[in-house]
Amino acid sequence: MIKIYGLVGKKISYSFSHSFFKRKFKKENIKNTIYNIFDINKLSLINEIIKVNKNFLGFNVTIPYKKKIISNINIINNNLKKIGSINTVKIINDLTIGYNTDIYGFENSFKLKLKSYHNNALILGNGGVSKSIIYVLTKLGIKYLVVSRNKKNGISYSKISKEIINNYNIIINCTPLGTYPKINECPNIPYEFLSKKHYLYDLVYNPKETLFLKKGKNIGCIVQNGINMLYLQANLSWKIWNDINFDILY
């Protein structure tokens, strides 16, 4: 029997998930197991994919379905419902169970370069993954302000002033801006007001150094991309799918 896992999203040819799991399977001598990319235009197709692939045991979820997929999940705990984002799904006898490994991945990678003076964060974007970021920042006691094109969920980019940049020394990019192949794009913020005490974290991992991070690095900011987060959340997903000892509350 070939065990099937995969990634569900839209326009996700850039993803490293397939190559990550392919290397993992080879390195750990995991046989009869594949990880596929399911690039779908509408989320309703996931039900058909599960029906067709009888040995489909679990999948990761990415843009733009992390919030939308909640209504498709059979079993989900109340804490995760409040967070409002799912990125890992386990399948048992056609029943789907939702988890969030983004929280674990972000928290444990984010803290690697976090300094004691980092206490306020700007969150760029209000998509599904931003819910996980908000959860972690709240847990760590870091105040945050969401920046988005939708003013109802925070402030607009045009409202980011020198004062705001000075007051928020963590800036987290939760948008896909800068993702391959559109590597010349970046969030529209006043980079000239950044300082060496700013910490720029980009959830994008392809390319390794986005224009967002380059602009910060040129000023001397602390910078980090999303590759560590990807590895951490992917490995936790694998543990969940295979009932390997794991400690997760969400």
C-alpha atoms as a PDB file:
ATOM      1  CA  MET A   1       0.000   0.000   0.000  1.00  0.00           C
ATOM      2  CA  ILE A   2       1.284   3.442  -0.955  1.00  0.00           C
ATOM      3  CA  LYS A   3       0.619   5.997   1.776  1.00  0.00           C
ATOM      4  CA  ILE A   4      -0.361   9.403   0.407  1.00  0.00           C
ATOM      5  CA  TYR A   5       0.161  12.804   2.014  1.00  0.00           C
ATOM      6  CA  GLY A   6       0.154  16.221   0.410  1.00  0.00           C
ATOM      7  CA  LEU A   7      -0.220  19.978   0.333  1.00  0.00           C
ATOM      8  CA  VAL A   8      -3.526  21.662  -0.531  1.00  0.00           C
ATOM      9  CA  GLY A   9      -3.560  25.236  -1.790  1.00  0.00           C
ATOM     10  CA  LYS A  10      -3.907  27.484  -4.822  1.00  0.00           C
ATOM     11  CA  LYS A  11      -1.057  28.574  -7.122  1.00  0.00           C
ATOM     12  CA  ILE A  12       1.502  26.765  -4.972  1.00  0.00           C
ATOM     13  CA  SER A  13       4.073  25.569  -7.499  1.00  0.00           C
ATOM     14  CA  TYR A  14       6.690  27.571  -5.540  1.00  0.00           C
ATOM     15  CA  SER A  15       6.266  25.411  -2.431  1.00  0.00           C
ATOM     16  CA  PHE A  16       9.241  23.610  -0.880  1.00  0.00           C
ATOM     17  CA  SER A  17       6.989  21.122   0.928  1.00  0.00           C
ATOM     18  CA  HIS A  18       7.221  18.451  -1.767  1.00  0.00           C
ATOM     19  CA  SER A  19      11.028  18.538  -1.891  1.00  0.00           C
ATOM     20  CA  PHE A  20      11.220  18.685   1.921  1.00  0.00           C
ATOM     21  CA  PHE A  21       9.219  15.491   2.379  1.00  0.00           C
ATOM     22  CA  LYS A  22      10.946  13.778  -0.538  1.00  0.00           C
ATOM     23  CA  ARG A  23      14.306  14.371   1.170  1.00  0.00           C
ATOM     24  CA  LYS A  24      12.862  13.296   4.511  1.00  0.00           C
ATOM     25  CA  PHE A  25      11.554  10.014   3.089  1.00  0.00           C
ATOM     26  CA  LYS A  26      14.927   9.263   1.495  1.00  0.00           C
ATOM     27  CA  LYS A  27      17.015  10.247   4.527  1.00  0.00           C
ATOM     28  CA  GLU A  28      14.878   8.281   6.994  1.00  0.00           C
ATOM     29  CA  ASN A  29      14.350   5.349   4.611  1.00  0.00           C
ATOM     30  CA  ILE A  30      10.568   5.765   4.662  1.00  0.00           C
ATOM     31  CA  LYS A  31       9.185   3.401   2.020  1.00  0.00           C
ATOM     32  CA  ASN A  32       5.914   3.289   0.043  1.00  0.00           C
ATOM     33  CA  THR A  33       5.075   6.880   0.908  1.00  0.00           C
ATOM     34  CA  ILE A  34       4.534   9.916  -1.326  1.00  0.00           C
ATOM     35  CA  TYR A  35       3.787  13.601  -0.776  1.00  0.00           C
ATOM     36  CA  ASN A  36       1.838  15.285  -3.578  1.00  0.00           C
ATOM     37  CA  ILE A  37       0.937  18.871  -4.391  1.00  0.00           C
ATOM     38  CA  PHE A  38      -2.825  19.394  -4.773  1.00  0.00           C
ATOM     39  CA  ASP A  39      -3.150  22.762  -6.493  1.00  0.00           C
ATOM     40  CA  ILE A  40      -6.906  23.375  -6.562  1.00  0.00           C
ATOM     41  CA  ASN A  41      -9.012  26.350  -7.680  1.00  0.00           C
ATOM     42  CA  LYS A  42     -11.797  25.727  -5.186  1.00  0.00           C
ATOM     43  CA  LEU A  43     -11.737  24.103  -1.777  1.00  0.00           C
ATOM     44  CA  SER A  44     -14.738  21.859  -2.459  1.00  0.00           C
ATOM     45  CA  LEU A  45     -12.458  19.701  -4.632  1.00  0.00           C
ATOM     46  CA  ILE A  46     -10.681  18.415  -1.520  1.00  0.00           C
ATOM     47  CA  ASN A  47     -13.615  16.120  -0.717  1.00  0.00           C
ATOM     48  CA  GLU A  48     -13.270  14.484  -4.132  1.00  0.00           C
ATOM     49  CA  ILE A  49      -9.504  14.114  -3.671  1.00  0.00           C
ATOM     50  CA  ILE A  50     -10.057  12.299  -0.368  1.00  0.00           C
ATOM     51  CA  LYS A  51     -12.610   9.962  -1.974  1.00  0.00           C
ATOM     52  CA  VAL A  52     -10.419   9.126  -4.974  1.00  0.00           C
ATOM     53  CA  ASN A  53      -7.232   8.571  -2.960  1.00  0.00           C
ATOM     54  CA  LYS A  54      -8.190   5.771  -0.566  1.00  0.00           C
ATOM     55  CA  ASN A  55      -4.769   5.777   1.065  1.00  0.00           C
ATOM     56  CA  PHE A  56      -4.787   9.540   1.631  1.00  0.00           C
ATOM     57  CA  LEU A  57      -3.798   9.865   5.300  1.00  0.00           C
ATOM     58  CA  GLY A  58      -3.199  13.567   5.790  1.00  0.00           C
ATOM     59  CA  PHE A  59      -2.350  16.892   4.241  1.00  0.00           C
ATOM     60  CA  ASN A  60      -1.045  20.373   4.913  1.00  0.00           C
ATOM     61  CA  VAL A  61      -3.080  23.448   4.005  1.00  0.00           C
ATOM     62  CA  THR A  62      -1.710  26.712   2.652  1.00  0.00           C
ATOM     63  CA  ILE A  63      -2.843  29.905   0.905  1.00  0.00           C
ATOM     64  CA  PRO A  64      -5.730  30.686   0.537  1.00  0.00           C
ATOM     65  CA  TYR A  65      -7.569  27.938   2.423  1.00  0.00           C
ATOM     66  CA  LYS A  66      -6.353  28.008   6.043  1.00  0.00           C
ATOM     67  CA  LYS A  67      -9.477  29.798   7.268  1.00  0.00           C
ATOM     68  CA  LYS A  68     -11.957  28.439   4.730  1.00  0.00           C
ATOM     69  CA  ILE A  69     -11.153  24.780   5.373  1.00  0.00           C
ATOM     70  CA  ILE A  70     -12.466  24.889   8.945  1.00  0.00           C
ATOM     71  CA  SER A  71     -16.023  24.304   7.703  1.00  0.00           C
ATOM     72  CA  ASN A  72     -14.834  21.130   5.901  1.00  0.00           C
ATOM     73  CA  ILE A  73     -13.270  19.538   8.985  1.00  0.00           C
ATOM     74  CA  ASN A  74     -15.160  16.870  10.939  1.00  0.00           C
ATOM     75  CA  ILE A  75     -13.270  17.143  14.234  1.00  0.00           C
ATOM     76  CA  ILE A  76     -11.710  20.339  15.590  1.00  0.00           C
ATOM     77  CA  ASN A  77     -11.183  21.484  19.177  1.00  0.00           C
ATOM     78  CA  ASN A  78     -12.716  24.687  20.511  1.00  0.00           C
ATOM     79  CA  ASN A  79      -9.354  26.385  21.007  1.00  0.00           C
ATOM     80  CA  LEU A  80      -8.536  25.938  17.334  1.00  0.00           C
ATOM     81  CA  LYS A  81     -11.956  27.256  16.328  1.00  0.00           C
ATOM     82  CA  LYS A  82     -11.171  30.453  18.223  1.00  0.00           C
ATOM     83  CA  ILE A  83      -7.778  30.772  16.529  1.00  0.00           C
ATOM     84  CA  GLY A  84      -9.526  30.385  13.179  1.00  0.00           C
ATOM     85  CA  SER A  85      -6.785  28.742  11.119  1.00  0.00           C
ATOM     86  CA  ILE A  86      -5.932  25.144  10.202  1.00  0.00           C
ATOM     87  CA  ASN A  87      -2.831  24.049   8.315  1.00  0.00           C
ATOM     88  CA  THR A  88      -2.674  20.313   9.067  1.00  0.00           C
ATOM     89  CA  VAL A  89      -5.365  17.683   8.545  1.00  0.00           C
ATOM     90  CA  LYS A  90      -5.300  14.024   9.552  1.00  0.00           C
ATOM     91  CA  ILE A  91      -7.641  11.546   7.857  1.00  0.00           C
ATOM     92  CA  ILE A  92      -8.960   8.482   9.714  1.00  0.00           C
ATOM     93  CA  ASN A  93     -11.664   6.364   8.072  1.00  0.00           C
ATOM     94  CA  ASP A  94     -12.709   9.305   5.866  1.00  0.00           C
ATOM     95  CA  LEU A  95     -13.026  11.565   8.924  1.00  0.00           C
ATOM     96  CA  THR A  96     -10.894  14.721   8.927  1.00  0.00           C
ATOM     97  CA  ILE A  97      -9.237  16.062  12.081  1.00  0.00           C
ATOM     98  CA  GLY A  98      -7.843  19.598  12.064  1.00  0.00           C
ATOM     99  CA  TYR A  99      -4.635  20.851  13.679  1.00  0.00           C
ATOM    100  CA  ASN A 100      -2.461  23.947  13.575  1.00  0.00           C
ATOM    101  CA  THR A 101       1.299  23.358  13.398  1.00  0.00           C
ATOM    102  CA  ASP A 102       1.991  26.921  12.200  1.00  0.00           C
ATOM    103  CA  ILE A 103       1.751  28.037  15.823  1.00  0.00           C
ATOM    104  CA  TYR A 104       4.499  25.654  16.907  1.00  0.00           C
ATOM    105  CA  GLY A 105       6.629  26.445  13.863  1.00  0.00           C
ATOM    106  CA  PHE A 106       6.338  30.204  14.186  1.00  0.00           C
ATOM    107  CA  GLU A 107       6.820  30.402  17.947  1.00  0.00           C
ATOM    108  CA  ASN A 108       9.939  28.245  18.031  1.00  0.00           C
ATOM    109  CA  SER A 109      11.586  29.933  15.042  1.00  0.00           C
ATOM    110  CA  PHE A 110      10.523  33.469  15.988  1.00  0.00           C
ATOM    111  CA  LYS A 111      12.063  33.225  19.469  1.00  0.00           C
ATOM    112  CA  LEU A 112      15.491  32.351  18.025  1.00  0.00           C
ATOM    113  CA  LYS A 113      16.271  36.008  17.273  1.00  0.00           C
ATOM    114  CA  LEU A 114      13.854  37.723  19.650  1.00  0.00           C
ATOM    115  CA  LYS A 115      15.490  40.267  21.979  1.00  0.00           C
ATOM    116  CA  SER A 116      14.289  41.529  25.354  1.00  0.00           C
ATOM    117  CA  TYR A 117      13.542  44.965  23.888  1.00  0.00           C
ATOM    118  CA  HIS A 118      11.258  43.548  21.185  1.00  0.00           C
ATOM    119  CA  ASN A 119       7.827  44.244  22.649  1.00  0.00           C
ATOM    120  CA  ASN A 120       5.515  45.583  19.909  1.00  0.00           C
ATOM    121  CA  ALA A 121       4.783  44.012  16.525  1.00  0.00           C
ATOM    122  CA  LEU A 122       3.307  45.116  13.221  1.00  0.00           C
ATOM    123  CA  ILE A 123       1.572  42.235  11.447  1.00  0.00           C
ATOM    124  CA  LEU A 124       1.446  42.808   7.704  1.00  0.00           C
ATOM    125  CA  GLY A 125      -1.591  41.021   6.270  1.00  0.00           C
ATOM    126  CA  ASN A 126      -4.688  39.476   7.837  1.00  0.00           C
ATOM    127  CA  GLY A 127      -4.944  36.135   6.030  1.00  0.00           C
ATOM    128  CA  GLY A 128      -5.229  32.699   7.621  1.00  0.00           C
ATOM    129  CA  VAL A 129      -1.671  32.460   8.919  1.00  0.00           C
ATOM    130  CA  SER A 130      -1.941  35.837  10.672  1.00  0.00           C
ATOM    131  CA  LYS A 131      -4.349  34.197  13.136  1.00  0.00           C
ATOM    132  CA  SER A 132      -1.563  31.866  14.262  1.00  0.00           C
ATOM    133  CA  ILE A 133       0.880  34.765  14.552  1.00  0.00           C
ATOM    134  CA  ILE A 134      -1.564  36.713  16.725  1.00  0.00           C
ATOM    135  CA  TYR A 135      -2.000  33.679  18.975  1.00  0.00           C
ATOM    136  CA  VAL A 136       1.766  33.373  19.521  1.00  0.00           C
ATOM    137  CA  LEU A 137       2.342  37.101  20.086  1.00  0.00           C
ATOM    138  CA  THR A 138      -0.471  37.174  22.645  1.00  0.00           C
ATOM    139  CA  LYS A 139       1.036  34.155  24.398  1.00  0.00           C
ATOM    140  CA  LEU A 140       4.432  35.894  24.539  1.00  0.00           C
ATOM    141  CA  GLY A 141       2.935  39.137  25.846  1.00  0.00           C
ATOM    142  CA  ILE A 142       3.845  41.110  22.723  1.00  0.00           C
ATOM    143  CA  LYS A 143       1.411  43.839  21.703  1.00  0.00           C
ATOM    144  CA  TYR A 144       0.506  43.908  18.023  1.00  0.00           C
ATOM    145  CA  LEU A 145      -1.130  46.021  15.342  1.00  0.00           C
ATOM    146  CA  VAL A 146      -2.494  44.493  12.128  1.00  0.00           C
ATOM    147  CA  VAL A 147      -1.870  46.273   8.831  1.00  0.00           C
ATOM    148  CA  SER A 148      -4.054  45.300   5.899  1.00  0.00           C
ATOM    149  CA  ARG A 149      -5.864  46.555   2.838  1.00  0.00           C
ATOM    150  CA  ASN A 150      -9.086  45.985   4.769  1.00  0.00           C
ATOM    151  CA  LYS A 151      -9.284  48.810   7.315  1.00  0.00           C
ATOM    152  CA  LYS A 152     -11.866  46.908   9.367  1.00  0.00           C
ATOM    153  CA  ASN A 153      -9.154  44.510  10.528  1.00  0.00           C
ATOM    154  CA  GLY A 154      -6.507  47.073  11.477  1.00  0.00           C
ATOM    155  CA  ILE A 155      -4.860  50.081   9.879  1.00  0.00           C
ATOM    156  CA  SER A 156      -4.112  50.607   6.208  1.00  0.00           C
ATOM    157  CA  TYR A 157      -0.579  50.727   4.822  1.00  0.00           C
ATOM    158  CA  SER A 158      -0.949  54.451   4.150  1.00  0.00           C
ATOM    159  CA  LYS A 159      -1.307  55.032   7.899  1.00  0.00           C
ATOM    160  CA  ILE A 160       2.125  53.596   8.756  1.00  0.00           C
ATOM    161  CA  SER A 161       4.027  56.650   9.964  1.00  0.00           C
ATOM    162  CA  LYS A 162       7.515  57.231  11.322  1.00  0.00           C
ATOM    163  CA  GLU A 163       6.005  57.192  14.810  1.00  0.00           C
ATOM    164  CA  ILE A 164       4.404  53.793  14.254  1.00  0.00           C
ATOM    165  CA  ILE A 165       7.646  52.329  12.879  1.00  0.00           C
ATOM    166  CA  ASN A 166       9.514  53.703  15.909  1.00  0.00           C
ATOM    167  CA  ASN A 167       6.969  52.224  18.318  1.00  0.00           C
ATOM    168  CA  TYR A 168       6.764  48.785  16.688  1.00  0.00           C
ATOM    169  CA  ASN A 169      10.211  47.196  16.488  1.00  0.00           C
ATOM    170  CA  ILE A 170       8.963  43.826  15.216  1.00  0.00           C
ATOM    171  CA  ILE A 171       7.529  43.639  11.697  1.00  0.00           C
ATOM    172  CA  ILE A 172       6.106  40.324  10.502  1.00  0.00           C
ATOM    173  CA  ASN A 173       5.206  39.811   6.857  1.00  0.00           C
ATOM    174  CA  CYS A 174       2.214  37.467   6.588  1.00  0.00           C
ATOM    175  CA  THR A 175       1.487  38.390   2.972  1.00  0.00           C
ATOM    176  CA  PRO A 176       2.718  36.453  -0.084  1.00  0.00           C
ATOM    177  CA  LEU A 177       4.465  39.583  -1.406  1.00  0.00           C
ATOM    178  CA  GLY A 178       7.980  38.740  -2.560  1.00  0.00           C
ATOM    179  CA  THR A 179       7.274  35.044  -3.094  1.00  0.00           C
ATOM    180  CA  TYR A 180       8.901  33.469  -6.157  1.00  0.00           C
ATOM    181  CA  PRO A 181       8.525  34.312  -9.007  1.00  0.00           C
ATOM    182  CA  LYS A 182       7.433  37.844  -8.005  1.00  0.00           C
ATOM    183  CA  ILE A 183      10.659  38.503  -6.147  1.00  0.00           C
ATOM    184  CA  ASN A 184      10.672  42.255  -6.853  1.00  0.00           C
ATOM    185  CA  GLU A 185       7.579  42.849  -4.729  1.00  0.00           C
ATOM    186  CA  CYS A 186       7.531  43.762  -1.042  1.00  0.00           C
ATOM    187  CA  PRO A 187       5.113  45.235   1.510  1.00  0.00           C
ATOM    188  CA  ASN A 188       4.623  48.969   1.096  1.00  0.00           C
ATOM    189  CA  ILE A 189       6.041  50.330   4.349  1.00  0.00           C
ATOM    190  CA  PRO A 190       8.419  53.280   5.005  1.00  0.00           C
ATOM    191  CA  TYR A 191      11.671  51.285   5.243  1.00  0.00           C
ATOM    192  CA  GLU A 192      13.707  54.474   5.707  1.00  0.00           C
ATOM    193  CA  PHE A 193      12.483  54.695   9.316  1.00  0.00           C
ATOM    194  CA  LEU A 194      13.772  51.247  10.308  1.00  0.00           C
ATOM    195  CA  SER A 195      16.669  50.895  12.746  1.00  0.00           C
ATOM    196  CA  LYS A 196      19.145  48.237  13.844  1.00  0.00           C
ATOM    197  CA  LYS A 197      16.800  47.356  16.703  1.00  0.00           C
ATOM    198  CA  HIS A 198      14.032  46.268  14.360  1.00  0.00           C
ATOM    199  CA  TYR A 199      13.327  42.568  13.869  1.00  0.00           C
ATOM    200  CA  LEU A 200      11.919  41.713  10.421  1.00  0.00           C
ATOM    201  CA  TYR A 201      10.390  38.253  10.129  1.00  0.00           C
ATOM    202  CA  ASP A 202       9.138  37.096   6.731  1.00  0.00           C
ATOM    203  CA  LEU A 203       6.962  33.990   6.514  1.00  0.00           C
ATOM    204  CA  VAL A 204       8.006  33.728   2.859  1.00  0.00           C
ATOM    205  CA  TYR A 205      10.873  31.247   2.369  1.00  0.00           C
ATOM    206  CA  ASN A 206      11.247  31.208  -1.418  1.00  0.00           C
ATOM    207  CA  PRO A 207      13.403  33.127  -2.195  1.00  0.00           C
ATOM    208  CA  LYS A 208      15.631  32.744   0.840  1.00  0.00           C
ATOM    209  CA  GLU A 209      16.060  36.504   1.083  1.00  0.00           C
ATOM    210  CA  THR A 210      13.034  38.511  -0.021  1.00  0.00           C
ATOM    211  CA  LEU A 211      13.142  42.171  -0.967  1.00  0.00           C
ATOM    212  CA  PHE A 212      11.439  42.890   2.389  1.00  0.00           C
ATOM    213  CA  LEU A 213      14.348  41.265   4.225  1.00  0.00           C
ATOM    214  CA  LYS A 214      16.983  42.801   1.937  1.00  0.00           C
ATOM    215  CA  LYS A 215      15.724  46.293   2.682  1.00  0.00           C
ATOM    216  CA  GLY A 216      15.869  45.592   6.407  1.00  0.00           C
ATOM    217  CA  LYS A 217      19.260  43.885   6.215  1.00  0.00           C
ATOM    218  CA  ASN A 218      20.755  46.885   4.395  1.00  0.00           C
ATOM    219  CA  ILE A 219      19.799  49.042   7.373  1.00  0.00           C
ATOM    220  CA  GLY A 220      21.166  46.526   9.877  1.00  0.00           C
ATOM    221  CA  CYS A 221      17.877  45.058  11.104  1.00  0.00           C
ATOM    222  CA  ILE A 222      17.642  41.572  12.569  1.00  0.00           C
ATOM    223  CA  VAL A 223      16.074  39.451   9.824  1.00  0.00           C
ATOM    224  CA  GLN A 224      14.680  35.938   9.485  1.00  0.00           C
ATOM    225  CA  ASN A 225      12.828  34.122   6.724  1.00  0.00           C
ATOM    226  CA  GLY A 226      10.179  31.416   7.036  1.00  0.00           C
ATOM    227  CA  ILE A 227      12.266  28.324   6.272  1.00  0.00           C
ATOM    228  CA  ASN A 228      12.765  27.309   9.925  1.00  0.00           C
ATOM    229  CA  MET A 229       9.048  27.701  10.501  1.00  0.00           C
ATOM    230  CA  LEU A 230       8.361  25.482   7.485  1.00  0.00           C
ATOM    231  CA  TYR A 231      10.670  22.718   8.721  1.00  0.00           C
ATOM    232  CA  LEU A 232       9.309  22.827  12.277  1.00  0.00           C
ATOM    233  CA  GLN A 233       5.643  22.762  11.294  1.00  0.00           C
ATOM    234  CA  ALA A 234       6.223  20.106   8.615  1.00  0.00           C
ATOM    235  CA  ASN A 235       7.987  17.750  11.025  1.00  0.00           C
ATOM    236  CA  LEU A 236       5.210  18.205  13.578  1.00  0.00           C
ATOM    237  CA  SER A 237       2.636  17.457  10.866  1.00  0.00           C
ATOM    238  CA  TRP A 238       4.448  14.192  10.152  1.00  0.00           C
ATOM    239  CA  LYS A 239       4.310  13.238  13.837  1.00  0.00           C
ATOM    240  CA  ILE A 240       0.575  13.959  13.943  1.00  0.00           C
ATOM    241  CA  TRP A 241      -0.172  11.894  10.831  1.00  0.00           C
ATOM    242  CA  ASN A 242       1.823   8.939  12.141  1.00  0.00           C
ATOM    243  CA  ASP A 243       0.877   9.052  15.837  1.00  0.00           C
ATOM    244  CA  ILE A 244       4.469   9.733  16.852  1.00  0.00           C
ATOM    245  CA  ASN A 245       4.737  11.228  20.328  1.00  0.00           C
ATOM    246  CA  PHE A 246       3.854  14.906  20.118  1.00  0.00           C
ATOM    247  CA  ASP A 247       2.586  17.596  22.467  1.00  0.00           C
ATOM    248  CA  ILE A 248       0.105  19.920  20.809  1.00  0.00           C
ATOM    249  CA  LEU A 249      -2.956  21.656  22.186  1.00  0.00           C
ATOM    250  CA  TYR A 250      -4.201  23.192  18.963  1.00  0.00           C
END
